Amino acid sequence: MRIEVDRELCAGSATCTGFVPTAFKIGRDGKAALLIEDAAQLDADALADAVANCPFEAITLTEAG
């Protein structure tokens, strides 16, 4: 699985950084940026929580490849 952030939808709430700080950071523009795109490297439950709790539904998981 691959993580994607829709930067048009993201408003920089930083909810994702609370759930998976190793995968997300808030960039200089105030929006979420990815540190890791490969979801296999992360805790699946924490990542699912980050996706489910994004208030703007800006984070998605897609099939890699």
N, C-alpha and C. Protein backbone atom coordinates (compact mmCIF):
# COMPACT_ATOMS: atom_id res chain seq x y z
N MET A 1 0.83 -1.18 0.00
CA MET A 1 0.00 0.00 0.00
C MET A 1 0.88 1.25 0.00
N ARG A 2 0.35 2.24 -0.63
CA ARG A 2 1.05 3.52 -0.74
C ARG A 2 0.18 4.60 -0.10
N ILE A 3 0.80 5.52 0.63
CA ILE A 3 0.10 6.62 1.28
C ILE A 3 0.11 7.82 0.34
N GLU A 4 -1.03 8.50 0.26
CA GLU A 4 -1.10 9.72 -0.53
C GLU A 4 -1.80 10.80 0.28
N VAL A 5 -1.32 12.03 0.15
CA VAL A 5 -1.96 13.18 0.78
C VAL A 5 -2.41 14.11 -0.32
N ASP A 6 -3.70 14.42 -0.33
CA ASP A 6 -4.24 15.38 -1.28
C ASP A 6 -4.01 16.77 -0.68
N ARG A 7 -3.01 17.45 -1.19
CA ARG A 7 -2.62 18.74 -0.62
C ARG A 7 -3.65 19.83 -0.90
N GLU A 8 -4.54 19.60 -1.84
CA GLU A 8 -5.63 20.55 -2.08
C GLU A 8 -6.67 20.47 -0.96
N LEU A 9 -6.87 19.25 -0.42
CA LEU A 9 -7.84 19.05 0.66
C LEU A 9 -7.24 19.34 2.03
N CYS A 10 -5.96 19.11 2.20
CA CYS A 10 -5.31 19.26 3.50
C CYS A 10 -5.36 20.72 3.96
N ALA A 11 -5.72 20.88 5.24
CA ALA A 11 -5.74 22.22 5.83
C ALA A 11 -4.74 22.33 6.97
N GLY A 12 -3.88 21.31 7.13
CA GLY A 12 -2.81 21.38 8.12
C GLY A 12 -3.25 21.21 9.56
N SER A 13 -4.25 20.41 9.81
CA SER A 13 -4.71 20.20 11.18
C SER A 13 -3.69 19.43 12.02
N ALA A 14 -2.78 18.72 11.37
CA ALA A 14 -1.71 17.94 12.00
C ALA A 14 -2.22 16.72 12.76
N THR A 15 -3.45 16.33 12.53
CA THR A 15 -3.97 15.12 13.17
C THR A 15 -3.11 13.92 12.78
N CYS A 16 -2.72 13.84 11.54
CA CYS A 16 -1.93 12.70 11.05
C CYS A 16 -0.59 12.59 11.76
N THR A 17 0.02 13.71 12.08
CA THR A 17 1.32 13.67 12.75
C THR A 17 1.20 13.10 14.16
N GLY A 18 0.05 13.26 14.77
CA GLY A 18 -0.17 12.69 16.09
C GLY A 18 -0.29 11.19 16.06
N PHE A 19 -0.86 10.65 15.00
CA PHE A 19 -1.03 9.20 14.88
C PHE A 19 0.22 8.52 14.35
N VAL A 20 0.87 9.11 13.35
CA VAL A 20 2.04 8.48 12.73
C VAL A 20 3.12 9.54 12.45
N PRO A 21 3.82 9.96 13.51
CA PRO A 21 4.83 11.01 13.31
C PRO A 21 6.02 10.58 12.45
N THR A 22 6.18 9.28 12.27
CA THR A 22 7.27 8.81 11.40
C THR A 22 6.91 8.89 9.93
N ALA A 23 5.63 9.11 9.62
CA ALA A 23 5.19 9.15 8.23
C ALA A 23 4.80 10.55 7.77
N PHE A 24 4.35 11.39 8.70
CA PHE A 24 3.83 12.71 8.33
C PHE A 24 4.55 13.82 9.08
N LYS A 25 4.66 14.95 8.41
CA LYS A 25 5.12 16.18 9.05
C LYS A 25 4.31 17.32 8.45
N ILE A 26 4.34 18.45 9.09
CA ILE A 26 3.70 19.64 8.52
C ILE A 26 4.80 20.44 7.84
N GLY A 27 4.61 20.67 6.55
CA GLY A 27 5.61 21.37 5.76
C GLY A 27 5.57 22.88 5.97
N ARG A 28 6.47 23.55 5.34
CA ARG A 28 6.56 25.01 5.44
C ARG A 28 5.29 25.72 4.99
N ASP A 29 4.55 25.06 4.11
CA ASP A 29 3.31 25.67 3.62
C ASP A 29 2.13 25.41 4.57
N GLY A 30 2.39 24.71 5.69
CA GLY A 30 1.34 24.45 6.66
C GLY A 30 0.48 23.24 6.36
N LYS A 31 0.87 22.47 5.36
CA LYS A 31 0.10 21.28 4.98
C LYS A 31 0.92 20.02 5.23
N ALA A 32 0.21 18.90 5.34
CA ALA A 32 0.88 17.63 5.60
C ALA A 32 1.79 17.25 4.44
N ALA A 33 2.93 16.72 4.81
CA ALA A 33 3.89 16.21 3.84
C ALA A 33 4.29 14.80 4.29
N LEU A 34 4.59 13.95 3.34
CA LEU A 34 4.96 12.57 3.64
C LEU A 34 6.45 12.44 3.90
N LEU A 35 6.77 11.67 4.92
CA LEU A 35 8.15 11.28 5.17
C LEU A 35 8.40 9.89 4.61
N ILE A 36 7.34 9.06 4.56
CA ILE A 36 7.40 7.69 4.05
C ILE A 36 6.15 7.46 3.20
N GLU A 37 6.30 6.95 2.01
CA GLU A 37 5.14 6.66 1.16
C GLU A 37 4.69 5.21 1.24
N ASP A 38 5.60 4.31 1.62
CA ASP A 38 5.31 2.89 1.66
C ASP A 38 4.67 2.52 2.99
N ALA A 39 3.39 2.21 2.98
CA ALA A 39 2.64 1.91 4.19
C ALA A 39 3.14 0.66 4.89
N ALA A 40 3.81 -0.24 4.19
CA ALA A 40 4.29 -1.48 4.78
C ALA A 40 5.34 -1.22 5.86
N GLN A 41 5.95 -0.07 5.86
CA GLN A 41 6.97 0.28 6.83
C GLN A 41 6.39 0.81 8.14
N LEU A 42 5.06 0.94 8.21
CA LEU A 42 4.41 1.61 9.33
C LEU A 42 3.46 0.71 10.09
N ASP A 43 3.09 1.13 11.28
CA ASP A 43 2.09 0.44 12.08
C ASP A 43 0.74 0.59 11.38
N ALA A 44 0.17 -0.50 10.96
CA ALA A 44 -1.07 -0.48 10.17
C ALA A 44 -2.23 0.13 10.93
N ASP A 45 -2.34 -0.16 12.23
CA ASP A 45 -3.45 0.38 13.02
C ASP A 45 -3.34 1.89 13.18
N ALA A 46 -2.14 2.38 13.45
CA ALA A 46 -1.92 3.82 13.60
C ALA A 46 -2.19 4.54 12.28
N LEU A 47 -1.77 3.93 11.19
CA LEU A 47 -2.00 4.53 9.88
C LEU A 47 -3.49 4.57 9.56
N ALA A 48 -4.20 3.50 9.86
CA ALA A 48 -5.65 3.47 9.65
C ALA A 48 -6.33 4.56 10.49
N ASP A 49 -5.85 4.78 11.71
CA ASP A 49 -6.40 5.85 12.55
C ASP A 49 -6.13 7.22 11.95
N ALA A 50 -4.95 7.42 11.38
CA ALA A 50 -4.62 8.70 10.75
C ALA A 50 -5.55 8.97 9.57
N VAL A 51 -5.78 7.94 8.75
CA VAL A 51 -6.68 8.09 7.60
C VAL A 51 -8.10 8.38 8.07
N ALA A 52 -8.58 7.60 9.03
CA ALA A 52 -9.96 7.74 9.50
C ALA A 52 -10.22 9.05 10.23
N ASN A 53 -9.19 9.62 10.86
CA ASN A 53 -9.38 10.81 11.67
C ASN A 53 -8.98 12.11 10.99
N CYS A 54 -8.52 12.04 9.76
CA CYS A 54 -8.20 13.28 9.04
C CYS A 54 -9.50 14.05 8.84
N PRO A 55 -9.63 15.24 9.41
CA PRO A 55 -10.90 15.96 9.32
C PRO A 55 -11.26 16.42 7.91
N PHE A 56 -10.29 16.38 7.01
CA PHE A 56 -10.55 16.84 5.64
C PHE A 56 -10.49 15.70 4.63
N GLU A 57 -10.35 14.46 5.13
CA GLU A 57 -10.27 13.27 4.29
C GLU A 57 -9.22 13.42 3.20
N ALA A 58 -8.07 13.97 3.60
CA ALA A 58 -7.00 14.25 2.64
C ALA A 58 -6.00 13.10 2.49
N ILE A 59 -6.09 12.09 3.36
CA ILE A 59 -5.14 10.98 3.33
C ILE A 59 -5.84 9.74 2.77
N THR A 60 -5.20 9.09 1.81
CA THR A 60 -5.73 7.86 1.27
C THR A 60 -4.61 6.82 1.15
N LEU A 61 -5.03 5.58 1.13
CA LEU A 61 -4.12 4.47 0.88
C LEU A 61 -4.50 3.87 -0.47
N THR A 62 -3.51 3.65 -1.30
CA THR A 62 -3.75 3.05 -2.61
C THR A 62 -2.84 1.85 -2.79
N GLU A 63 -3.22 0.99 -3.69
CA GLU A 63 -2.38 -0.17 -4.01
C GLU A 63 -1.08 0.32 -4.65
N ALA A 64 0.02 -0.22 -4.17
CA ALA A 64 1.32 0.13 -4.75
C ALA A 64 1.47 -0.55 -6.10
N GLY A 65 2.21 0.10 -6.96
CA GLY A 65 2.54 -0.52 -8.22
C GLY A 65 1.71 -0.09 -9.32
